[in-house]
Amino acid sequence: MNRIKVSKNFSLHEFECRDGSHLVMLDEKLLELLQKMRDAAGQPIMVYSGYRTPAYNKQVGGAPTSQHLCGKAADISIVNMAVDQMAELAERCGADGIGKYYKQGFIHVDTRGHKARWIG
């Protein structure tokens, strides 16, 4: 497992593909964004989905051009924060892509290089 610490509060294994392969790609800008969000929130961020292999992305119904495929996206939640609060924090911290998933209780953040907003 990739237990290597990659920032003050994150380890590489948190961004591994959830298919059991332990494969991982992690964009440096995504890590910086998440650490900035963690520092601002003052509490842990749970990463539900980071990197995805093409096969796993297809399995979970991800978009064919998903930012997860290149390690530029994470689906996250923050303890005691509502979806809108998390999205506002992501906005303040400079996320490019922000998706709100109210039913599932998480947000998607990414570093795609241009602004994108949606409700999933």
PDB file of N, CA and C in Angstrom:
ATOM      1  N   MET A   1       0.836  -1.183   0.000  1.00  0.00           N
ATOM      2  CA  MET A   1       0.000   0.000   0.000  1.00  0.00           C
ATOM      3  C   MET A   1       0.881   1.247   0.000  1.00  0.00           C
ATOM      4  N   ASN A   2       0.372   2.330  -0.543  1.00  0.00           N
ATOM      5  CA  ASN A   2       1.113   3.580  -0.675  1.00  0.00           C
ATOM      6  C   ASN A   2       0.929   4.457   0.561  1.00  0.00           C
ATOM      7  N   ARG A   3       1.571   4.094   1.654  1.00  0.00           N
ATOM      8  CA  ARG A   3       1.416   4.836   2.914  1.00  0.00           C
ATOM      9  C   ARG A   3       2.334   6.058   2.989  1.00  0.00           C
ATOM     10  N   ILE A   4       2.885   6.453   1.870  1.00  0.00           N
ATOM     11  CA  ILE A   4       3.802   7.588   1.811  1.00  0.00           C
ATOM     12  C   ILE A   4       3.024   8.872   2.079  1.00  0.00           C
ATOM     13  N   LYS A   5       3.530   9.659   3.004  1.00  0.00           N
ATOM     14  CA  LYS A   5       2.892  10.940   3.311  1.00  0.00           C
ATOM     15  C   LYS A   5       3.269  11.927   2.196  1.00  0.00           C
ATOM     16  N   VAL A   6       2.260  12.536   1.568  1.00  0.00           N
ATOM     17  CA  VAL A   6       2.512  13.436   0.444  1.00  0.00           C
ATOM     18  C   VAL A   6       2.222  14.901   0.778  1.00  0.00           C
ATOM     19  N   SER A   7       1.643  15.149   1.929  1.00  0.00           N
ATOM     20  CA  SER A   7       1.445  16.516   2.430  1.00  0.00           C
ATOM     21  C   SER A   7       1.257  16.423   3.936  1.00  0.00           C
ATOM     22  N   LYS A   8       1.032  17.552   4.555  1.00  0.00           N
ATOM     23  CA  LYS A   8       0.870  17.587   6.018  1.00  0.00           C
ATOM     24  C   LYS A   8      -0.221  16.635   6.500  1.00  0.00           C
ATOM     25  N   ASN A   9      -1.318  16.522   5.756  1.00  0.00           N
ATOM     26  CA  ASN A   9      -2.452  15.737   6.223  1.00  0.00           C
ATOM     27  C   ASN A   9      -2.899  14.608   5.305  1.00  0.00           C
ATOM     28  N   PHE A  10      -2.198  14.365   4.211  1.00  0.00           N
ATOM     29  CA  PHE A  10      -2.622  13.332   3.272  1.00  0.00           C
ATOM     30  C   PHE A  10      -1.510  12.333   2.981  1.00  0.00           C
ATOM     31  N   SER A  11      -1.922  11.082   2.789  1.00  0.00           N
ATOM     32  CA  SER A  11      -1.012  10.007   2.377  1.00  0.00           C
ATOM     33  C   SER A  11      -1.428   9.543   0.989  1.00  0.00           C
ATOM     34  N   LEU A  12      -0.479   9.025   0.234  1.00  0.00           N
ATOM     35  CA  LEU A  12      -0.724   8.627  -1.145  1.00  0.00           C
ATOM     36  C   LEU A  12      -1.835   7.593  -1.267  1.00  0.00           C
ATOM     37  N   HIS A  13      -1.948   6.681  -0.282  1.00  0.00           N
ATOM     38  CA  HIS A  13      -2.959   5.620  -0.376  1.00  0.00           C
ATOM     39  C   HIS A  13      -4.391   6.160  -0.425  1.00  0.00           C
ATOM     40  N   GLU A  14      -4.613   7.373   0.083  1.00  0.00           N
ATOM     41  CA  GLU A  14      -5.954   7.943   0.058  1.00  0.00           C
ATOM     42  C   GLU A  14      -6.439   8.218  -1.363  1.00  0.00           C
ATOM     43  N   PHE A  15      -5.521   8.305  -2.310  1.00  0.00           N
ATOM     44  CA  PHE A  15      -5.852   8.643  -3.692  1.00  0.00           C
ATOM     45  C   PHE A  15      -5.793   7.439  -4.622  1.00  0.00           C
ATOM     46  N   GLU A  16      -5.503   6.241  -4.090  1.00  0.00           N
ATOM     47  CA  GLU A  16      -5.425   5.024  -4.895  1.00  0.00           C
ATOM     48  C   GLU A  16      -6.770   4.688  -5.523  1.00  0.00           C
ATOM     49  N   CYS A  17      -6.712   4.025  -6.662  1.00  0.00           N
ATOM     50  CA  CYS A  17      -7.928   3.511  -7.279  1.00  0.00           C
ATOM     51  C   CYS A  17      -8.568   2.521  -6.313  1.00  0.00           C
ATOM     52  N   ARG A  18      -9.877   2.592  -6.175  1.00  0.00           N
ATOM     53  CA  ARG A  18     -10.604   1.748  -5.221  1.00  0.00           C
ATOM     54  C   ARG A  18     -10.898   0.344  -5.762  1.00  0.00           C
ATOM     55  N   ASP A  19     -10.246  -0.028  -6.864  1.00  0.00           N
ATOM     56  CA  ASP A  19     -10.455  -1.365  -7.434  1.00  0.00           C
ATOM     57  C   ASP A  19      -9.546  -2.425  -6.812  1.00  0.00           C
ATOM     58  N   GLY A  20      -8.744  -2.029  -5.839  1.00  0.00           N
ATOM     59  CA  GLY A  20      -7.852  -2.971  -5.172  1.00  0.00           C
ATOM     60  C   GLY A  20      -6.475  -3.084  -5.807  1.00  0.00           C
ATOM     61  N   SER A  21      -6.235  -2.380  -6.889  1.00  0.00           N
ATOM     62  CA  SER A  21      -4.956  -2.466  -7.603  1.00  0.00           C
ATOM     63  C   SER A  21      -3.846  -1.648  -6.954  1.00  0.00           C
ATOM     64  N   HIS A  22      -4.193  -0.704  -6.115  1.00  0.00           N
ATOM     65  CA  HIS A  22      -3.261   0.239  -5.485  1.00  0.00           C
ATOM     66  C   HIS A  22      -2.610   1.184  -6.487  1.00  0.00           C
ATOM     67  N   LEU A  23      -3.111   1.215  -7.727  1.00  0.00           N
ATOM     68  CA  LEU A  23      -2.585   2.155  -8.713  1.00  0.00           C
ATOM     69  C   LEU A  23      -3.019   3.565  -8.328  1.00  0.00           C
ATOM     70  N   VAL A  24      -2.134   4.513  -8.610  1.00  0.00           N
ATOM     71  CA  VAL A  24      -2.429   5.889  -8.223  1.00  0.00           C
ATOM     72  C   VAL A  24      -1.708   6.871  -9.139  1.00  0.00           C
ATOM     73  N   MET A  25      -2.400   7.949  -9.437  1.00  0.00           N
ATOM     74  CA  MET A  25      -1.832   9.141 -10.059  1.00  0.00           C
ATOM     75  C   MET A  25      -2.377  10.289  -9.236  1.00  0.00           C
ATOM     76  N   LEU A  26      -1.551  11.285  -8.990  1.00  0.00           N
ATOM     77  CA  LEU A  26      -1.988  12.408  -8.166  1.00  0.00           C
ATOM     78  C   LEU A  26      -1.381  13.694  -8.683  1.00  0.00           C
ATOM     79  N   ASP A  27      -2.236  14.565  -9.181  1.00  0.00           N
ATOM     80  CA  ASP A  27      -1.817  15.871  -9.666  1.00  0.00           C
ATOM     81  C   ASP A  27      -1.386  16.732  -8.480  1.00  0.00           C
ATOM     82  N   GLU A  28      -0.241  17.359  -8.599  1.00  0.00           N
ATOM     83  CA  GLU A  28       0.277  18.184  -7.516  1.00  0.00           C
ATOM     84  C   GLU A  28      -0.674  19.324  -7.159  1.00  0.00           C
ATOM     85  N   LYS A  29      -1.333  19.895  -8.154  1.00  0.00           N
ATOM     86  CA  LYS A  29      -2.276  20.992  -7.896  1.00  0.00           C
ATOM     87  C   LYS A  29      -3.486  20.501  -7.106  1.00  0.00           C
ATOM     88  N   LEU A  30      -3.929  19.268  -7.370  1.00  0.00           N
ATOM     89  CA  LEU A  30      -5.047  18.706  -6.604  1.00  0.00           C
ATOM     90  C   LEU A  30      -4.643  18.539  -5.141  1.00  0.00           C
ATOM     91  N   LEU A  31      -3.469  18.009  -4.916  1.00  0.00           N
ATOM     92  CA  LEU A  31      -2.987  17.839  -3.545  1.00  0.00           C
ATOM     93  C   LEU A  31      -2.894  19.187  -2.834  1.00  0.00           C
ATOM     94  N   GLU A  32      -2.374  20.197  -3.519  1.00  0.00           N
ATOM     95  CA  GLU A  32      -2.276  21.533  -2.926  1.00  0.00           C
ATOM     96  C   GLU A  32      -3.657  22.091  -2.598  1.00  0.00           C
ATOM     97  N   LEU A  33      -4.620  21.891  -3.515  1.00  0.00           N
ATOM     98  CA  LEU A  33      -5.994  22.341  -3.284  1.00  0.00           C
ATOM     99  C   LEU A  33      -6.585  21.679  -2.046  1.00  0.00           C
ATOM    100  N   LEU A  34      -6.458  20.362  -1.963  1.00  0.00           N
ATOM    101  CA  LEU A  34      -7.044  19.638  -0.834  1.00  0.00           C
ATOM    102  C   LEU A  34      -6.378  20.007   0.483  1.00  0.00           C
ATOM    103  N   GLN A  35      -5.073  20.218   0.473  1.00  0.00           N
ATOM    104  CA  GLN A  35      -4.392  20.620   1.705  1.00  0.00           C
ATOM    105  C   GLN A  35      -4.845  22.013   2.121  1.00  0.00           C
ATOM    106  N   LYS A  36      -5.021  22.904   1.151  1.00  0.00           N
ATOM    107  CA  LYS A  36      -5.521  24.250   1.446  1.00  0.00           C
ATOM    108  C   LYS A  36      -6.924  24.180   2.043  1.00  0.00           C
ATOM    109  N   MET A  37      -7.767  23.325   1.479  1.00  0.00           N
ATOM    110  CA  MET A  37      -9.120  23.141   2.014  1.00  0.00           C
ATOM    111  C   MET A  37      -9.068  22.568   3.421  1.00  0.00           C
ATOM    112  N   ARG A  38      -8.193  21.595   3.642  1.00  0.00           N
ATOM    113  CA  ARG A  38      -8.047  20.957   4.968  1.00  0.00           C
ATOM    114  C   ARG A  38      -7.612  21.990   5.998  1.00  0.00           C
ATOM    115  N   ASP A  39      -6.642  22.805   5.632  1.00  0.00           N
ATOM    116  CA  ASP A  39      -6.156  23.842   6.548  1.00  0.00           C
ATOM    117  C   ASP A  39      -7.265  24.837   6.875  1.00  0.00           C
ATOM    118  N   ALA A  40      -8.027  25.247   5.869  1.00  0.00           N
ATOM    119  CA  ALA A  40      -9.100  26.221   6.068  1.00  0.00           C
ATOM    120  C   ALA A  40     -10.246  25.630   6.886  1.00  0.00           C
ATOM    121  N   ALA A  41     -10.568  24.372   6.655  1.00  0.00           N
ATOM    122  CA  ALA A  41     -11.669  23.723   7.383  1.00  0.00           C
ATOM    123  C   ALA A  41     -11.287  23.403   8.818  1.00  0.00           C
ATOM    124  N   GLY A  42     -10.017  23.134   9.041  1.00  0.00           N
ATOM    125  CA  GLY A  42      -9.568  22.781  10.382  1.00  0.00           C
ATOM    126  C   GLY A  42     -10.018  21.406  10.829  1.00  0.00           C
ATOM    127  N   GLN A  43     -10.391  20.567   9.869  1.00  0.00           N
ATOM    128  CA  GLN A  43     -10.806  19.199  10.184  1.00  0.00           C
ATOM    129  C   GLN A  43     -10.529  18.293   8.992  1.00  0.00           C
ATOM    130  N   PRO A  44     -10.505  16.992   9.238  1.00  0.00           N
ATOM    131  CA  PRO A  44     -10.143  16.041   8.182  1.00  0.00           C
ATOM    132  C   PRO A  44     -11.068  16.060   6.965  1.00  0.00           C
ATOM    133  N   ILE A  45     -10.464  15.746   5.832  1.00  0.00           N
ATOM    134  CA  ILE A  45     -11.193  15.556   4.579  1.00  0.00           C
ATOM    135  C   ILE A  45     -11.133  14.075   4.252  1.00  0.00           C
ATOM    136  N   MET A  46     -12.281  13.493   3.988  1.00  0.00           N
ATOM    137  CA  MET A  46     -12.360  12.086   3.597  1.00  0.00           C
ATOM    138  C   MET A  46     -12.371  12.022   2.071  1.00  0.00           C
ATOM    139  N   VAL A  47     -11.407  11.302   1.507  1.00  0.00           N
ATOM    140  CA  VAL A  47     -11.345  11.122   0.055  1.00  0.00           C
ATOM    141  C   VAL A  47     -12.035   9.808  -0.280  1.00  0.00           C
ATOM    142  N   TYR A  48     -13.177   9.885  -0.974  1.00  0.00           N
ATOM    143  CA  TYR A  48     -13.920   8.686  -1.364  1.00  0.00           C
ATOM    144  C   TYR A  48     -13.434   8.117  -2.675  1.00  0.00           C
ATOM    145  N   SER A  49     -13.003   8.978  -3.564  1.00  0.00           N
ATOM    146  CA  SER A  49     -12.532   8.535  -4.867  1.00  0.00           C
ATOM    147  C   SER A  49     -11.478   9.506  -5.356  1.00  0.00           C
ATOM    148  N   GLY A  50     -10.304   8.979  -5.666  1.00  0.00           N
ATOM    149  CA  GLY A  50      -9.229   9.780  -6.244  1.00  0.00           C
ATOM    150  C   GLY A  50      -8.991   9.287  -7.659  1.00  0.00           C
ATOM    151  N   TYR A  51      -7.817   8.719  -7.875  1.00  0.00           N
ATOM    152  CA  TYR A  51      -7.495   8.177  -9.196  1.00  0.00           C
ATOM    153  C   TYR A  51      -8.397   6.986  -9.524  1.00  0.00           C
ATOM    154  N   ARG A  52      -8.764   6.881 -10.792  1.00  0.00           N
ATOM    155  CA  ARG A  52      -9.506   5.717 -11.284  1.00  0.00           C
ATOM    156  C   ARG A  52      -8.844   5.185 -12.547  1.00  0.00           C
ATOM    157  N   THR A  53      -8.675   3.875 -12.615  1.00  0.00           N
ATOM    158  CA  THR A  53      -8.224   3.268 -13.861  1.00  0.00           C
ATOM    159  C   THR A  53      -9.376   3.378 -14.857  1.00  0.00           C
ATOM    160  N   PRO A  54      -9.098   3.300 -16.157  1.00  0.00           N
ATOM    161  CA  PRO A  54     -10.193   3.356 -17.133  1.00  0.00           C
ATOM    162  C   PRO A  54     -11.267   2.288 -16.885  1.00  0.00           C
ATOM    163  N   ALA A  55     -10.858   1.078 -16.553  1.00  0.00           N
ATOM    164  CA  ALA A  55     -11.833   0.005 -16.313  1.00  0.00           C
ATOM    165  C   ALA A  55     -12.705   0.310 -15.095  1.00  0.00           C
ATOM    166  N   TYR A  56     -12.091   0.781 -14.025  1.00  0.00           N
ATOM    167  CA  TYR A  56     -12.858   1.085 -12.818  1.00  0.00           C
ATOM    168  C   TYR A  56     -13.769   2.292 -13.040  1.00  0.00           C
ATOM    169  N   ASN A  57     -13.269   3.289 -13.765  1.00  0.00           N
ATOM    170  CA  ASN A  57     -14.089   4.456 -14.063  1.00  0.00           C
ATOM    171  C   ASN A  57     -15.350   4.046 -14.824  1.00  0.00           C
ATOM    172  N   LYS A  58     -15.194   3.143 -15.769  1.00  0.00           N
ATOM    173  CA  LYS A  58     -16.339   2.649 -16.534  1.00  0.00           C
ATOM    174  C   LYS A  58     -17.292   1.871 -15.622  1.00  0.00           C
ATOM    175  N   GLN A  59     -16.704   1.057 -14.750  1.00  0.00           N
ATOM    176  CA  GLN A  59     -17.496   0.235 -13.819  1.00  0.00           C
ATOM    177  C   GLN A  59     -18.382   1.083 -12.915  1.00  0.00           C
ATOM    178  N   VAL A  60     -17.859   2.230 -12.465  1.00  0.00           N
ATOM    179  CA  VAL A  60     -18.620   3.074 -11.540  1.00  0.00           C
ATOM    180  C   VAL A  60     -19.466   4.121 -12.263  1.00  0.00           C
ATOM    181  N   GLY A  61     -19.476   4.070 -13.582  1.00  0.00           N
ATOM    182  CA  GLY A  61     -20.297   4.994 -14.350  1.00  0.00           C
ATOM    183  C   GLY A  61     -19.708   6.379 -14.494  1.00  0.00           C
ATOM    184  N   GLY A  62     -18.389   6.485 -14.382  1.00  0.00           N
ATOM    185  CA  GLY A  62     -17.723   7.770 -14.540  1.00  0.00           C
ATOM    186  C   GLY A  62     -17.744   8.248 -15.978  1.00  0.00           C
ATOM    187  N   ALA A  63     -17.614   9.547 -16.161  1.00  0.00           N
ATOM    188  CA  ALA A  63     -17.581  10.132 -17.505  1.00  0.00           C
ATOM    189  C   ALA A  63     -16.354   9.619 -18.252  1.00  0.00           C
ATOM    190  N   PRO A  64     -16.474   9.384 -19.543  1.00  0.00           N
ATOM    191  CA  PRO A  64     -15.338   8.883 -20.331  1.00  0.00           C
ATOM    192  C   PRO A  64     -14.109   9.791 -20.284  1.00  0.00           C
ATOM    193  N   THR A  65     -14.317  11.086 -20.064  1.00  0.00           N
ATOM    194  CA  THR A  65     -13.190  12.026 -19.975  1.00  0.00           C
ATOM    195  C   THR A  65     -13.001  12.526 -18.543  1.00  0.00           C
ATOM    196  N   SER A  66     -13.378  11.723 -17.564  1.00  0.00           N
ATOM    197  CA  SER A  66     -13.300  12.091 -16.149  1.00  0.00           C
ATOM    198  C   SER A  66     -11.903  12.549 -15.744  1.00  0.00           C
ATOM    199  N   GLN A  67     -11.862  13.569 -14.926  1.00  0.00           N
ATOM    200  CA  GLN A  67     -10.593  14.057 -14.382  1.00  0.00           C
ATOM    201  C   GLN A  67      -9.971  13.050 -13.414  1.00  0.00           C
ATOM    202  N   HIS A  68     -10.767  12.103 -12.929  1.00  0.00           N
ATOM    203  CA  HIS A  68     -10.233  11.038 -12.065  1.00  0.00           C
ATOM    204  C   HIS A  68      -9.217  10.176 -12.823  1.00  0.00           C
ATOM    205  N   LEU A  69      -9.371  10.069 -14.137  1.00  0.00           N
ATOM    206  CA  LEU A  69      -8.495   9.219 -14.955  1.00  0.00           C
ATOM    207  C   LEU A  69      -7.054   9.714 -15.009  1.00  0.00           C
ATOM    208  N   CYS A  70      -6.854  10.986 -14.722  1.00  0.00           N
ATOM    209  CA  CYS A  70      -5.495  11.534 -14.759  1.00  0.00           C
ATOM    210  C   CYS A  70      -5.058  12.078 -13.394  1.00  0.00           C
ATOM    211  N   GLY A  71      -5.749  11.667 -12.335  1.00  0.00           N
ATOM    212  CA  GLY A  71      -5.345  12.061 -10.985  1.00  0.00           C
ATOM    213  C   GLY A  71      -5.595  13.513 -10.646  1.00  0.00           C
ATOM    214  N   LYS A  72      -6.514  14.152 -11.374  1.00  0.00           N
ATOM    215  CA  LYS A  72      -6.801  15.567 -11.143  1.00  0.00           C
ATOM    216  C   LYS A  72      -8.106  15.798 -10.411  1.00  0.00           C
ATOM    217  N   ALA A  73      -8.731  14.729  -9.884  1.00  0.00           N
ATOM    218  CA  ALA A  73     -10.031  14.883  -9.230  1.00  0.00           C
ATOM    219  C   ALA A  73     -10.133  14.029  -7.977  1.00  0.00           C
ATOM    220  N   ALA A  74     -10.970  14.490  -7.070  1.00  0.00           N
ATOM    221  CA  ALA A  74     -11.282  13.723  -5.868  1.00  0.00           C
ATOM    222  C   ALA A  74     -12.725  13.994  -5.472  1.00  0.00           C
ATOM    223  N   ASP A  75     -13.406  12.940  -5.029  1.00  0.00           N
ATOM    224  CA  ASP A  75     -14.726  13.064  -4.429  1.00  0.00           C
ATOM    225  C   ASP A  75     -14.494  13.036  -2.933  1.00  0.00           C
ATOM    226  N   ILE A  76     -14.968  14.070  -2.250  1.00  0.00           N
ATOM    227  CA  ILE A  76     -14.605  14.255  -0.843  1.00  0.00           C
ATOM    228  C   ILE A  76     -15.800  14.654   0.019  1.00  0.00           C
ATOM    229  N   SER A  77     -15.616  14.483   1.326  1.00  0.00           N
ATOM    230  CA  SER A  77     -16.539  15.073   2.294  1.00  0.00           C
ATOM    231  C   SER A  77     -15.724  15.561   3.477  1.00  0.00           C
ATOM    232  N   ILE A  78     -16.314  16.489   4.205  1.00  0.00           N
ATOM    233  CA  ILE A  78     -15.683  17.053   5.390  1.00  0.00           C
ATOM    234  C   ILE A  78     -16.679  16.913   6.531  1.00  0.00           C
ATOM    235  N   VAL A  79     -16.225  16.384   7.644  1.00  0.00           N
ATOM    236  CA  VAL A  79     -17.074  16.147   8.801  1.00  0.00           C
ATOM    237  C   VAL A  79     -17.828  17.416   9.196  1.00  0.00           C
ATOM    238  N   ASN A  80     -19.108  17.253   9.472  1.00  0.00           N
ATOM    239  CA  ASN A  80     -19.968  18.342   9.941  1.00  0.00           C
ATOM    240  C   ASN A  80     -20.132  19.500   8.963  1.00  0.00           C
ATOM    241  N   MET A  81     -19.917  19.245   7.671  1.00  0.00           N
ATOM    242  CA  MET A  81     -20.129  20.283   6.665  1.00  0.00           C
ATOM    243  C   MET A  81     -21.132  19.777   5.642  1.00  0.00           C
ATOM    244  N   ALA A  82     -22.093  20.619   5.308  1.00  0.00           N
ATOM    245  CA  ALA A  82     -23.081  20.303   4.281  1.00  0.00           C
ATOM    246  C   ALA A  82     -22.443  20.461   2.906  1.00  0.00           C
ATOM    247  N   VAL A  83     -23.089  19.893   1.912  1.00  0.00           N
ATOM    248  CA  VAL A  83     -22.580  19.945   0.543  1.00  0.00           C
ATOM    249  C   VAL A  83     -22.317  21.387   0.106  1.00  0.00           C
ATOM    250  N   ASP A  84     -23.256  22.279   0.333  1.00  0.00           N
ATOM    251  CA  ASP A  84     -23.066  23.678  -0.089  1.00  0.00           C
ATOM    252  C   ASP A  84     -21.887  24.330   0.635  1.00  0.00           C
ATOM    253  N   GLN A  85     -21.709  24.018   1.906  1.00  0.00           N
ATOM    254  CA  GLN A  85     -20.572  24.564   2.657  1.00  0.00           C
ATOM    255  C   GLN A  85     -19.256  24.059   2.090  1.00  0.00           C
ATOM    256  N   MET A  86     -19.198  22.770   1.772  1.00  0.00           N
ATOM    257  CA  MET A  86     -17.974  22.201   1.187  1.00  0.00           C
ATOM    258  C   MET A  86     -17.684  22.836  -0.165  1.00  0.00           C
ATOM    259  N   ALA A  87     -18.730  23.019  -0.977  1.00  0.00           N
ATOM    260  CA  ALA A  87     -18.553  23.631  -2.300  1.00  0.00           C
ATOM    261  C   ALA A  87     -18.075  25.077  -2.178  1.00  0.00           C
ATOM    262  N   GLU A  88     -18.609  25.822  -1.221  1.00  0.00           N
ATOM    263  CA  GLU A  88     -18.169  27.202  -0.995  1.00  0.00           C
ATOM    264  C   GLU A  88     -16.700  27.234  -0.582  1.00  0.00           C
ATOM    265  N   LEU A  89     -16.297  26.304   0.257  1.00  0.00           N
ATOM    266  CA  LEU A  89     -14.898  26.212   0.668  1.00  0.00           C
ATOM    267  C   LEU A  89     -14.014  25.892  -0.537  1.00  0.00           C
ATOM    268  N   ALA A  90     -14.443  24.941  -1.358  1.00  0.00           N
ATOM    269  CA  ALA A  90     -13.680  24.578  -2.554  1.00  0.00           C
ATOM    270  C   ALA A  90     -13.535  25.785  -3.481  1.00  0.00           C
ATOM    271  N   GLU A  91     -14.600  26.547  -3.606  1.00  0.00           N
ATOM    272  CA  GLU A  91     -14.579  27.769  -4.436  1.00  0.00           C
ATOM    273  C   GLU A  91     -13.549  28.749  -3.896  1.00  0.00           C
ATOM    274  N   ARG A  92     -13.596  29.012  -2.607  1.00  0.00           N
ATOM    275  CA  ARG A  92     -12.645  29.949  -1.980  1.00  0.00           C
ATOM    276  C   ARG A  92     -11.201  29.489  -2.113  1.00  0.00           C
ATOM    277  N   CYS A  93     -11.005  28.181  -2.124  1.00  0.00           N
ATOM    278  CA  CYS A  93      -9.646  27.635  -2.178  1.00  0.00           C
ATOM    279  C   CYS A  93      -9.127  27.461  -3.605  1.00  0.00           C
ATOM    280  N   GLY A  94      -9.981  27.727  -4.603  1.00  0.00           N
ATOM    281  CA  GLY A  94      -9.507  27.744  -5.981  1.00  0.00           C
ATOM    282  C   GLY A  94      -9.733  26.501  -6.816  1.00  0.00           C
ATOM    283  N   ALA A  95     -10.707  25.662  -6.472  1.00  0.00           N
ATOM    284  CA  ALA A  95     -10.995  24.477  -7.284  1.00  0.00           C
ATOM    285  C   ALA A  95     -11.476  24.902  -8.667  1.00  0.00           C
ATOM    286  N   ASP A  96     -11.041  24.194  -9.688  1.00  0.00           N
ATOM    287  CA  ASP A  96     -11.513  24.456 -11.047  1.00  0.00           C
ATOM    288  C   ASP A  96     -12.895  23.850 -11.237  1.00  0.00           C
ATOM    289  N   GLY A  97     -13.008  22.554 -11.045  1.00  0.00           N
ATOM    290  CA  GLY A  97     -14.283  21.860 -11.169  1.00  0.00           C
ATOM    291  C   GLY A  97     -14.871  21.584  -9.798  1.00  0.00           C
ATOM    292  N   ILE A  98     -16.162  21.854  -9.649  1.00  0.00           N
ATOM    293  CA  ILE A  98     -16.863  21.563  -8.394  1.00  0.00           C
ATOM    294  C   ILE A  98     -18.220  20.964  -8.739  1.00  0.00           C
ATOM    295  N   GLY A  99     -18.423  19.737  -8.319  1.00  0.00           N
ATOM    296  CA  GLY A  99     -19.701  19.080  -8.496  1.00  0.00           C
ATOM    297  C   GLY A  99     -20.334  18.831  -7.145  1.00  0.00           C
ATOM    298  N   LYS A 100     -21.619  19.112  -7.027  1.00  0.00           N
ATOM    299  CA  LYS A 100     -22.340  18.912  -5.767  1.00  0.00           C
ATOM    300  C   LYS A 100     -23.200  17.652  -5.883  1.00  0.00           C
ATOM    301  N   TYR A 101     -23.024  16.737  -4.961  1.00  0.00           N
ATOM    302  CA  TYR A 101     -23.784  15.490  -4.935  1.00  0.00           C
ATOM    303  C   TYR A 101     -24.541  15.423  -3.609  1.00  0.00           C
ATOM    304  N   TYR A 102     -25.715  16.033  -3.602  1.00  0.00           N
ATOM    305  CA  TYR A 102     -26.496  16.175  -2.380  1.00  0.00           C
ATOM    306  C   TYR A 102     -26.949  14.827  -1.814  1.00  0.00           C
ATOM    307  N   LYS A 103     -27.476  13.976  -2.662  1.00  0.00           N
ATOM    308  CA  LYS A 103     -28.001  12.688  -2.204  1.00  0.00           C
ATOM    309  C   LYS A 103     -26.907  11.847  -1.537  1.00  0.00           C
ATOM    310  N   GLN A 104     -25.701  11.881  -2.114  1.00  0.00           N
ATOM    311  CA  GLN A 104     -24.585  11.087  -1.592  1.00  0.00           C
ATOM    312  C   GLN A 104     -23.810  11.827  -0.495  1.00  0.00           C
ATOM    313  N   GLY A 105     -23.998  13.127  -0.377  1.00  0.00           N
ATOM    314  CA  GLY A 105     -23.355  13.898   0.683  1.00  0.00           C
ATOM    315  C   GLY A 105     -21.892  14.204   0.464  1.00  0.00           C
ATOM    316  N   PHE A 106     -21.462  14.333  -0.792  1.00  0.00           N
ATOM    317  CA  PHE A 106     -20.074  14.676  -1.064  1.00  0.00           C
ATOM    318  C   PHE A 106     -19.989  15.686  -2.191  1.00  0.00           C
ATOM    319  N   ILE A 107     -18.783  16.225  -2.380  1.00  0.00           N
ATOM    320  CA  ILE A 107     -18.519  17.072  -3.537  1.00  0.00           C
ATOM    321  C   ILE A 107     -17.367  16.484  -4.336  1.00  0.00           C
ATOM    322  N   HIS A 108     -17.348  16.815  -5.602  1.00  0.00           N
ATOM    323  CA  HIS A 108     -16.235  16.489  -6.501  1.00  0.00           C
ATOM    324  C   HIS A 108     -15.449  17.775  -6.657  1.00  0.00           C
ATOM    325  N   VAL A 109     -14.132  17.704  -6.533  1.00  0.00           N
ATOM    326  CA  VAL A 109     -13.261  18.847  -6.819  1.00  0.00           C
ATOM    327  C   VAL A 109     -12.209  18.394  -7.807  1.00  0.00           C
ATOM    328  N   ASP A 110     -11.800  19.314  -8.690  1.00  0.00           N
ATOM    329  CA  ASP A 110     -10.736  18.958  -9.619  1.00  0.00           C
ATOM    330  C   ASP A 110      -9.929  20.168 -10.041  1.00  0.00           C
ATOM    331  N   THR A 111      -8.837  19.868 -10.745  1.00  0.00           N
ATOM    332  CA  THR A 111      -7.887  20.882 -11.208  1.00  0.00           C
ATOM    333  C   THR A 111      -7.760  20.793 -12.733  1.00  0.00           C
ATOM    334  N   ARG A 112      -8.878  20.842 -13.429  1.00  0.00           N
ATOM    335  CA  ARG A 112      -8.945  20.641 -14.884  1.00  0.00           C
ATOM    336  C   ARG A 112      -8.355  21.794 -15.694  1.00  0.00           C
ATOM    337  N   GLY A 113      -8.172  22.957 -15.077  1.00  0.00           N
ATOM    338  CA  GLY A 113      -7.595  24.084 -15.798  1.00  0.00           C
ATOM    339  C   GLY A 113      -8.602  25.120 -16.261  1.00  0.00           C
ATOM    340  N   HIS A 114      -9.883  24.863 -16.062  1.00  0.00           N
ATOM    341  CA  HIS A 114     -10.918  25.850 -16.361  1.00  0.00           C
ATOM    342  C   HIS A 114     -12.107  25.583 -15.445  1.00  0.00           C
ATOM    343  N   LYS A 115     -12.940  26.605 -15.302  1.00  0.00           N
ATOM    344  CA  LYS A 115     -14.061  26.531 -14.375  1.00  0.00           C
ATOM    345  C   LYS A 115     -15.190  25.632 -14.894  1.00  0.00           C
ATOM    346  N   ALA A 116     -15.693  24.773 -14.015  1.00  0.00           N
ATOM    347  CA  ALA A 116     -16.845  23.922 -14.321  1.00  0.00           C
ATOM    348  C   ALA A 116     -17.634  23.716 -13.024  1.00  0.00           C
ATOM    349  N   ARG A 117     -18.955  23.843 -13.112  1.00  0.00           N
ATOM    350  CA  ARG A 117     -19.833  23.653 -11.954  1.00  0.00           C
ATOM    351  C   ARG A 117     -21.020  22.804 -12.371  1.00  0.00           C
ATOM    352  N   TRP A 118     -21.448  21.878 -11.516  1.00  0.00           N
ATOM    353  CA  TRP A 118     -22.607  21.052 -11.809  1.00  0.00           C
ATOM    354  C   TRP A 118     -23.183  20.440 -10.538  1.00  0.00           C
ATOM    355  N   ILE A 119     -24.391  19.949 -10.662  1.00  0.00           N
ATOM    356  CA  ILE A 119     -25.046  19.201  -9.595  1.00  0.00           C
ATOM    357  C   ILE A 119     -25.275  17.795 -10.125  1.00  0.00           C
ATOM    358  N   GLY A 120     -24.785  16.817  -9.391  1.00  0.00           N
ATOM    359  CA  GLY A 120     -24.883  15.419  -9.833  1.00  0.00           C
ATOM    360  C   GLY A 120     -26.017  14.672  -9.201  1.00  0.00           C
TER     361      GLY A 120
END
